[in-house]
Amino acid sequence: MTQAFDVLGSPVRRRILELLVERSRTSGEVVEAIQREFDISQPGVSQHLSVLRESGFATSRAEGPRRVYELGAVPFGEVEAWLDRFRGAWNERLDALATEVARGKRERRLQKAKEAVRRRA
């Protein structure tokens, strides 16, 4: 699991994954986008693609002279499984927040109703 988070720790690799989640991309498209956003060299981008491929976050295939990258699946399942342990705590806190928001809305409605009654009287 540590390896997955090590891979995801790089903002460049996270951005590459964001590009790949939209659609498959050639290595040239990835290099162009990443160079524009991060100002790193083509070999630097290639190294990030290699890390993503080796870790399973991305896959690649040859299409003629081009290499096409796609999102991999396996490590995301591992990350998801790890995060599942925390969902219960998140859900409890989100439920508590929703209760407080509803309580605040109800109190504001009651306050407005009381003020409307006072104005009419």
N, C-alpha and C. Protein backbone atom coordinates (compact mmCIF):
# COMPACT_ATOMS: atom_id res chain seq x y z
N MET A 1 0.82 -1.19 0.00
CA MET A 1 0.00 0.00 0.00
C MET A 1 0.86 1.25 0.00
N THR A 2 1.95 1.21 0.73
CA THR A 2 2.83 2.37 0.78
C THR A 2 3.27 2.76 -0.62
N GLN A 3 3.57 1.77 -1.45
CA GLN A 3 4.03 2.08 -2.80
C GLN A 3 2.97 2.87 -3.57
N ALA A 4 1.71 2.50 -3.44
CA ALA A 4 0.65 3.22 -4.16
C ALA A 4 0.64 4.69 -3.75
N PHE A 5 0.76 4.96 -2.47
CA PHE A 5 0.74 6.35 -2.03
C PHE A 5 2.04 7.06 -2.39
N ASP A 6 3.13 6.34 -2.46
CA ASP A 6 4.37 6.94 -2.95
C ASP A 6 4.20 7.38 -4.39
N VAL A 7 3.58 6.54 -5.20
CA VAL A 7 3.33 6.87 -6.60
C VAL A 7 2.41 8.08 -6.70
N LEU A 8 1.36 8.08 -5.90
CA LEU A 8 0.38 9.17 -5.94
C LEU A 8 0.88 10.44 -5.27
N GLY A 9 2.02 10.36 -4.58
CA GLY A 9 2.58 11.53 -3.91
C GLY A 9 3.11 12.59 -4.85
N SER A 10 3.34 12.23 -6.09
CA SER A 10 3.88 13.18 -7.07
C SER A 10 2.75 13.93 -7.76
N PRO A 11 2.77 15.27 -7.71
CA PRO A 11 1.74 16.04 -8.42
C PRO A 11 1.78 15.82 -9.93
N VAL A 12 2.95 15.54 -10.47
CA VAL A 12 3.06 15.26 -11.91
C VAL A 12 2.34 13.96 -12.24
N ARG A 13 2.57 12.92 -11.44
CA ARG A 13 1.91 11.64 -11.72
C ARG A 13 0.40 11.73 -11.49
N ARG A 14 0.00 12.49 -10.47
CA ARG A 14 -1.45 12.66 -10.26
C ARG A 14 -2.07 13.36 -11.46
N ARG A 15 -1.38 14.36 -12.01
CA ARG A 15 -1.92 15.07 -13.18
C ARG A 15 -1.99 14.16 -14.39
N ILE A 16 -0.98 13.32 -14.56
CA ILE A 16 -1.03 12.35 -15.67
C ILE A 16 -2.24 11.45 -15.52
N LEU A 17 -2.50 10.99 -14.30
CA LEU A 17 -3.67 10.14 -14.07
C LEU A 17 -4.97 10.89 -14.36
N GLU A 18 -5.00 12.17 -14.02
CA GLU A 18 -6.19 12.98 -14.33
C GLU A 18 -6.41 13.05 -15.83
N LEU A 19 -5.32 13.17 -16.58
CA LEU A 19 -5.43 13.18 -18.05
C LEU A 19 -5.93 11.84 -18.56
N LEU A 20 -5.43 10.76 -17.98
CA LEU A 20 -5.80 9.43 -18.45
C LEU A 20 -7.21 9.03 -18.05
N VAL A 21 -7.72 9.58 -16.97
CA VAL A 21 -9.08 9.24 -16.59
C VAL A 21 -10.08 9.82 -17.59
N GLU A 22 -9.69 10.92 -18.25
CA GLU A 22 -10.56 11.53 -19.26
C GLU A 22 -10.65 10.65 -20.50
N ARG A 23 -9.48 10.10 -20.92
CA ARG A 23 -9.43 9.25 -22.11
C ARG A 23 -8.01 8.73 -22.28
N SER A 24 -7.87 7.71 -23.12
CA SER A 24 -6.53 7.21 -23.47
C SER A 24 -5.78 8.32 -24.18
N ARG A 25 -4.46 8.36 -23.98
CA ARG A 25 -3.65 9.40 -24.60
C ARG A 25 -2.33 8.81 -25.08
N THR A 26 -1.84 9.36 -26.17
CA THR A 26 -0.52 8.95 -26.64
C THR A 26 0.53 9.56 -25.70
N SER A 27 1.71 8.96 -25.74
CA SER A 27 2.78 9.50 -24.90
C SER A 27 3.07 10.95 -25.29
N GLY A 28 2.98 11.26 -26.58
CA GLY A 28 3.21 12.63 -27.04
C GLY A 28 2.22 13.61 -26.45
N GLU A 29 0.94 13.21 -26.37
CA GLU A 29 -0.08 14.08 -25.77
C GLU A 29 0.20 14.32 -24.29
N VAL A 30 0.59 13.25 -23.60
CA VAL A 30 0.90 13.38 -22.18
C VAL A 30 2.11 14.29 -21.98
N VAL A 31 3.15 14.05 -22.76
CA VAL A 31 4.36 14.86 -22.65
C VAL A 31 4.03 16.33 -22.91
N GLU A 32 3.28 16.61 -23.94
CA GLU A 32 2.93 17.99 -24.28
C GLU A 32 2.19 18.67 -23.13
N ALA A 33 1.18 18.00 -22.59
CA ALA A 33 0.39 18.59 -21.51
C ALA A 33 1.23 18.80 -20.25
N ILE A 34 2.02 17.81 -19.90
CA ILE A 34 2.82 17.90 -18.67
C ILE A 34 3.94 18.92 -18.81
N GLN A 35 4.57 18.97 -19.97
CA GLN A 35 5.61 19.98 -20.17
C GLN A 35 5.03 21.38 -20.05
N ARG A 36 3.85 21.57 -20.59
CA ARG A 36 3.19 22.88 -20.55
C ARG A 36 2.86 23.27 -19.09
N GLU A 37 2.38 22.31 -18.31
CA GLU A 37 1.94 22.61 -16.96
C GLU A 37 3.07 22.61 -15.92
N PHE A 38 4.07 21.75 -16.13
CA PHE A 38 5.10 21.59 -15.10
C PHE A 38 6.50 21.98 -15.57
N ASP A 39 6.65 22.29 -16.83
CA ASP A 39 7.94 22.70 -17.37
C ASP A 39 9.04 21.69 -17.05
N ILE A 40 8.78 20.41 -17.35
CA ILE A 40 9.81 19.39 -17.19
C ILE A 40 10.11 18.77 -18.55
N SER A 41 11.25 18.13 -18.64
CA SER A 41 11.72 17.60 -19.92
C SER A 41 10.93 16.36 -20.35
N GLN A 42 11.04 16.03 -21.62
CA GLN A 42 10.41 14.81 -22.15
C GLN A 42 10.92 13.57 -21.42
N PRO A 43 12.24 13.44 -21.18
CA PRO A 43 12.69 12.27 -20.42
C PRO A 43 12.12 12.23 -18.99
N GLY A 44 11.92 13.41 -18.41
CA GLY A 44 11.31 13.46 -17.08
C GLY A 44 9.88 12.96 -17.09
N VAL A 45 9.10 13.37 -18.08
CA VAL A 45 7.72 12.90 -18.22
C VAL A 45 7.73 11.39 -18.48
N SER A 46 8.63 10.94 -19.34
CA SER A 46 8.73 9.50 -19.63
C SER A 46 9.01 8.70 -18.37
N GLN A 47 9.84 9.24 -17.49
CA GLN A 47 10.14 8.55 -16.23
C GLN A 47 8.88 8.43 -15.37
N HIS A 48 8.08 9.49 -15.32
CA HIS A 48 6.83 9.44 -14.56
C HIS A 48 5.87 8.42 -15.18
N LEU A 49 5.79 8.39 -16.50
CA LEU A 49 4.95 7.39 -17.17
C LEU A 49 5.43 5.98 -16.85
N SER A 50 6.73 5.79 -16.80
CA SER A 50 7.30 4.49 -16.48
C SER A 50 6.91 4.06 -15.06
N VAL A 51 7.00 4.98 -14.12
CA VAL A 51 6.61 4.68 -12.73
C VAL A 51 5.14 4.28 -12.68
N LEU A 52 4.29 5.02 -13.38
CA LEU A 52 2.86 4.70 -13.40
C LEU A 52 2.60 3.34 -14.03
N ARG A 53 3.31 3.04 -15.08
CA ARG A 53 3.15 1.75 -15.76
C ARG A 53 3.64 0.61 -14.87
N GLU A 54 4.81 0.76 -14.29
CA GLU A 54 5.39 -0.29 -13.45
C GLU A 54 4.55 -0.55 -12.19
N SER A 55 3.89 0.48 -11.69
CA SER A 55 3.08 0.33 -10.49
C SER A 55 1.66 -0.15 -10.81
N GLY A 56 1.30 -0.18 -12.08
CA GLY A 56 -0.04 -0.64 -12.48
C GLY A 56 -1.07 0.46 -12.55
N PHE A 57 -0.70 1.70 -12.23
CA PHE A 57 -1.67 2.79 -12.32
C PHE A 57 -1.98 3.14 -13.77
N ALA A 58 -1.09 2.79 -14.67
CA ALA A 58 -1.30 3.04 -16.09
C ALA A 58 -0.84 1.82 -16.87
N THR A 59 -1.45 1.64 -18.02
CA THR A 59 -1.01 0.60 -18.94
C THR A 59 -0.66 1.28 -20.26
N SER A 60 0.10 0.59 -21.08
CA SER A 60 0.42 1.16 -22.39
C SER A 60 0.40 0.06 -23.43
N ARG A 61 0.14 0.50 -24.65
CA ARG A 61 0.15 -0.43 -25.77
C ARG A 61 0.69 0.31 -26.99
N ALA A 62 1.27 -0.43 -27.87
CA ALA A 62 1.79 0.17 -29.10
C ALA A 62 0.67 0.26 -30.12
N GLU A 63 0.58 1.40 -30.77
CA GLU A 63 -0.32 1.61 -31.91
C GLU A 63 0.54 2.17 -33.02
N GLY A 64 1.04 1.30 -33.84
CA GLY A 64 1.98 1.74 -34.87
C GLY A 64 3.22 2.28 -34.18
N PRO A 65 3.66 3.46 -34.58
CA PRO A 65 4.87 4.03 -33.97
C PRO A 65 4.60 4.72 -32.63
N ARG A 66 3.32 4.84 -32.24
CA ARG A 66 2.98 5.56 -31.01
C ARG A 66 2.71 4.60 -29.86
N ARG A 67 2.90 5.09 -28.66
CA ARG A 67 2.56 4.36 -27.45
C ARG A 67 1.35 5.05 -26.84
N VAL A 68 0.31 4.27 -26.56
CA VAL A 68 -0.93 4.82 -26.02
C VAL A 68 -1.05 4.38 -24.56
N TYR A 69 -1.34 5.35 -23.69
CA TYR A 69 -1.47 5.09 -22.25
C TYR A 69 -2.93 5.14 -21.84
N GLU A 70 -3.27 4.24 -20.93
CA GLU A 70 -4.62 4.18 -20.35
C GLU A 70 -4.49 4.01 -18.85
N LEU A 71 -5.57 4.29 -18.17
CA LEU A 71 -5.61 4.12 -16.73
C LEU A 71 -5.58 2.64 -16.39
N GLY A 72 -4.77 2.26 -15.42
CA GLY A 72 -4.76 0.90 -14.90
C GLY A 72 -5.81 0.79 -13.80
N ALA A 73 -6.05 -0.41 -13.30
CA ALA A 73 -7.11 -0.59 -12.31
C ALA A 73 -6.63 -1.12 -10.97
N VAL A 74 -5.68 -2.00 -10.95
CA VAL A 74 -5.33 -2.73 -9.74
C VAL A 74 -4.97 -1.83 -8.55
N PRO A 75 -4.04 -0.90 -8.68
CA PRO A 75 -3.68 -0.11 -7.49
C PRO A 75 -4.82 0.75 -6.97
N PHE A 76 -5.72 1.16 -7.85
CA PHE A 76 -6.85 1.96 -7.39
C PHE A 76 -7.73 1.14 -6.46
N GLY A 77 -7.86 -0.15 -6.75
CA GLY A 77 -8.60 -1.04 -5.86
C GLY A 77 -7.94 -1.14 -4.51
N GLU A 78 -6.61 -1.19 -4.49
CA GLU A 78 -5.88 -1.24 -3.23
C GLU A 78 -6.08 0.05 -2.43
N VAL A 79 -6.01 1.17 -3.12
CA VAL A 79 -6.22 2.47 -2.45
C VAL A 79 -7.64 2.53 -1.92
N GLU A 80 -8.60 2.11 -2.72
CA GLU A 80 -10.01 2.10 -2.32
C GLU A 80 -10.20 1.24 -1.07
N ALA A 81 -9.60 0.05 -1.06
CA ALA A 81 -9.72 -0.84 0.10
C ALA A 81 -9.14 -0.21 1.34
N TRP A 82 -8.02 0.48 1.19
CA TRP A 82 -7.39 1.14 2.34
C TRP A 82 -8.29 2.27 2.84
N LEU A 83 -8.85 3.05 1.92
CA LEU A 83 -9.71 4.17 2.30
C LEU A 83 -11.01 3.70 2.94
N ASP A 84 -11.49 2.52 2.57
CA ASP A 84 -12.74 2.00 3.14
C ASP A 84 -12.70 1.94 4.66
N ARG A 85 -11.52 1.71 5.20
CA ARG A 85 -11.40 1.64 6.66
C ARG A 85 -11.77 2.96 7.32
N PHE A 86 -11.68 4.06 6.60
CA PHE A 86 -11.93 5.37 7.15
C PHE A 86 -13.32 5.91 6.82
N ARG A 87 -14.00 5.26 5.90
CA ARG A 87 -15.31 5.76 5.45
C ARG A 87 -16.33 5.84 6.58
N GLY A 88 -16.31 4.87 7.49
CA GLY A 88 -17.26 4.90 8.60
C GLY A 88 -17.12 6.17 9.41
N ALA A 89 -15.89 6.54 9.72
CA ALA A 89 -15.66 7.77 10.48
C ALA A 89 -16.10 9.00 9.68
N TRP A 90 -15.79 9.01 8.39
CA TRP A 90 -16.20 10.14 7.55
C TRP A 90 -17.71 10.24 7.51
N ASN A 91 -18.37 9.09 7.29
CA ASN A 91 -19.82 9.09 7.18
C ASN A 91 -20.48 9.56 8.47
N GLU A 92 -19.94 9.14 9.62
CA GLU A 92 -20.50 9.60 10.89
C GLU A 92 -20.38 11.11 11.01
N ARG A 93 -19.23 11.65 10.65
CA ARG A 93 -19.04 13.10 10.75
C ARG A 93 -19.91 13.84 9.75
N LEU A 94 -20.04 13.30 8.55
CA LEU A 94 -20.89 13.94 7.56
C LEU A 94 -22.36 13.88 7.97
N ASP A 95 -22.77 12.76 8.56
CA ASP A 95 -24.15 12.66 9.06
C ASP A 95 -24.40 13.68 10.17
N ALA A 96 -23.42 13.83 11.07
CA ALA A 96 -23.55 14.81 12.14
C ALA A 96 -23.64 16.23 11.57
N LEU A 97 -22.83 16.51 10.57
CA LEU A 97 -22.88 17.83 9.92
C LEU A 97 -24.24 18.06 9.27
N ALA A 98 -24.75 17.04 8.59
CA ALA A 98 -26.07 17.17 7.95
C ALA A 98 -27.15 17.44 8.98
N THR A 99 -27.06 16.80 10.14
CA THR A 99 -28.03 17.03 11.22
C THR A 99 -27.95 18.47 11.70
N GLU A 100 -26.75 18.98 11.88
CA GLU A 100 -26.58 20.37 12.35
C GLU A 100 -27.08 21.37 11.31
N VAL A 101 -26.83 21.11 10.03
CA VAL A 101 -27.31 21.98 8.97
C VAL A 101 -28.84 22.00 8.97
N ALA A 102 -29.45 20.83 9.08
CA ALA A 102 -30.92 20.74 9.11
C ALA A 102 -31.47 21.47 10.32
N ARG A 103 -30.82 21.31 11.46
CA ARG A 103 -31.26 21.99 12.68
C ARG A 103 -31.19 23.51 12.49
N GLY A 104 -30.10 24.00 11.90
CA GLY A 104 -29.96 25.43 11.66
C GLY A 104 -31.03 25.96 10.72
N LYS A 105 -31.33 25.21 9.66
CA LYS A 105 -32.38 25.62 8.72
C LYS A 105 -33.73 25.68 9.41
N ARG A 106 -34.02 24.67 10.23
CA ARG A 106 -35.30 24.63 10.94
C ARG A 106 -35.41 25.82 11.89
N GLU A 107 -34.33 26.13 12.60
CA GLU A 107 -34.35 27.26 13.53
C GLU A 107 -34.55 28.58 12.79
N ARG A 108 -33.93 28.73 11.63
CA ARG A 108 -34.10 29.96 10.84
C ARG A 108 -35.55 30.08 10.34
N ARG A 109 -36.13 28.96 9.92
CA ARG A 109 -37.54 29.00 9.47
C ARG A 109 -38.46 29.40 10.61
N LEU A 110 -38.23 28.82 11.79
CA LEU A 110 -39.07 29.16 12.94
C LEU A 110 -38.90 30.63 13.32
N GLN A 111 -37.66 31.12 13.28
CA GLN A 111 -37.39 32.51 13.61
C GLN A 111 -38.09 33.45 12.62
N LYS A 112 -38.04 33.11 11.33
CA LYS A 112 -38.71 33.93 10.32
C LYS A 112 -40.22 33.91 10.52
N ALA A 113 -40.77 32.76 10.86
CA ALA A 113 -42.21 32.65 11.10
C ALA A 113 -42.61 33.50 12.30
N LYS A 114 -41.82 33.47 13.37
CA LYS A 114 -42.12 34.28 14.56
C LYS A 114 -42.07 35.76 14.22
N GLU A 115 -41.08 36.17 13.43
CA GLU A 115 -40.96 37.57 13.05
C GLU A 115 -42.13 38.00 12.19
N ALA A 116 -42.60 37.13 11.31
CA ALA A 116 -43.75 37.45 10.45
C ALA A 116 -44.99 37.62 11.30
N VAL A 117 -45.17 36.79 12.31
CA VAL A 117 -46.33 36.91 13.20
C VAL A 117 -46.26 38.21 13.98
N ARG A 118 -45.09 38.58 14.46
CA ARG A 118 -44.93 39.82 15.21
C ARG A 118 -45.24 41.04 14.34
N ARG A 119 -44.82 41.01 13.08
CA ARG A 119 -45.06 42.14 12.20
C ARG A 119 -46.56 42.31 11.92
N ARG A 120 -47.26 41.20 11.84
CA ARG A 120 -48.71 41.27 11.57
C ARG A 120 -49.49 41.78 12.77
N ALA A 121 -48.95 41.55 13.95
CA ALA A 121 -49.68 41.91 15.18
C ALA A 121 -49.59 43.39 15.50
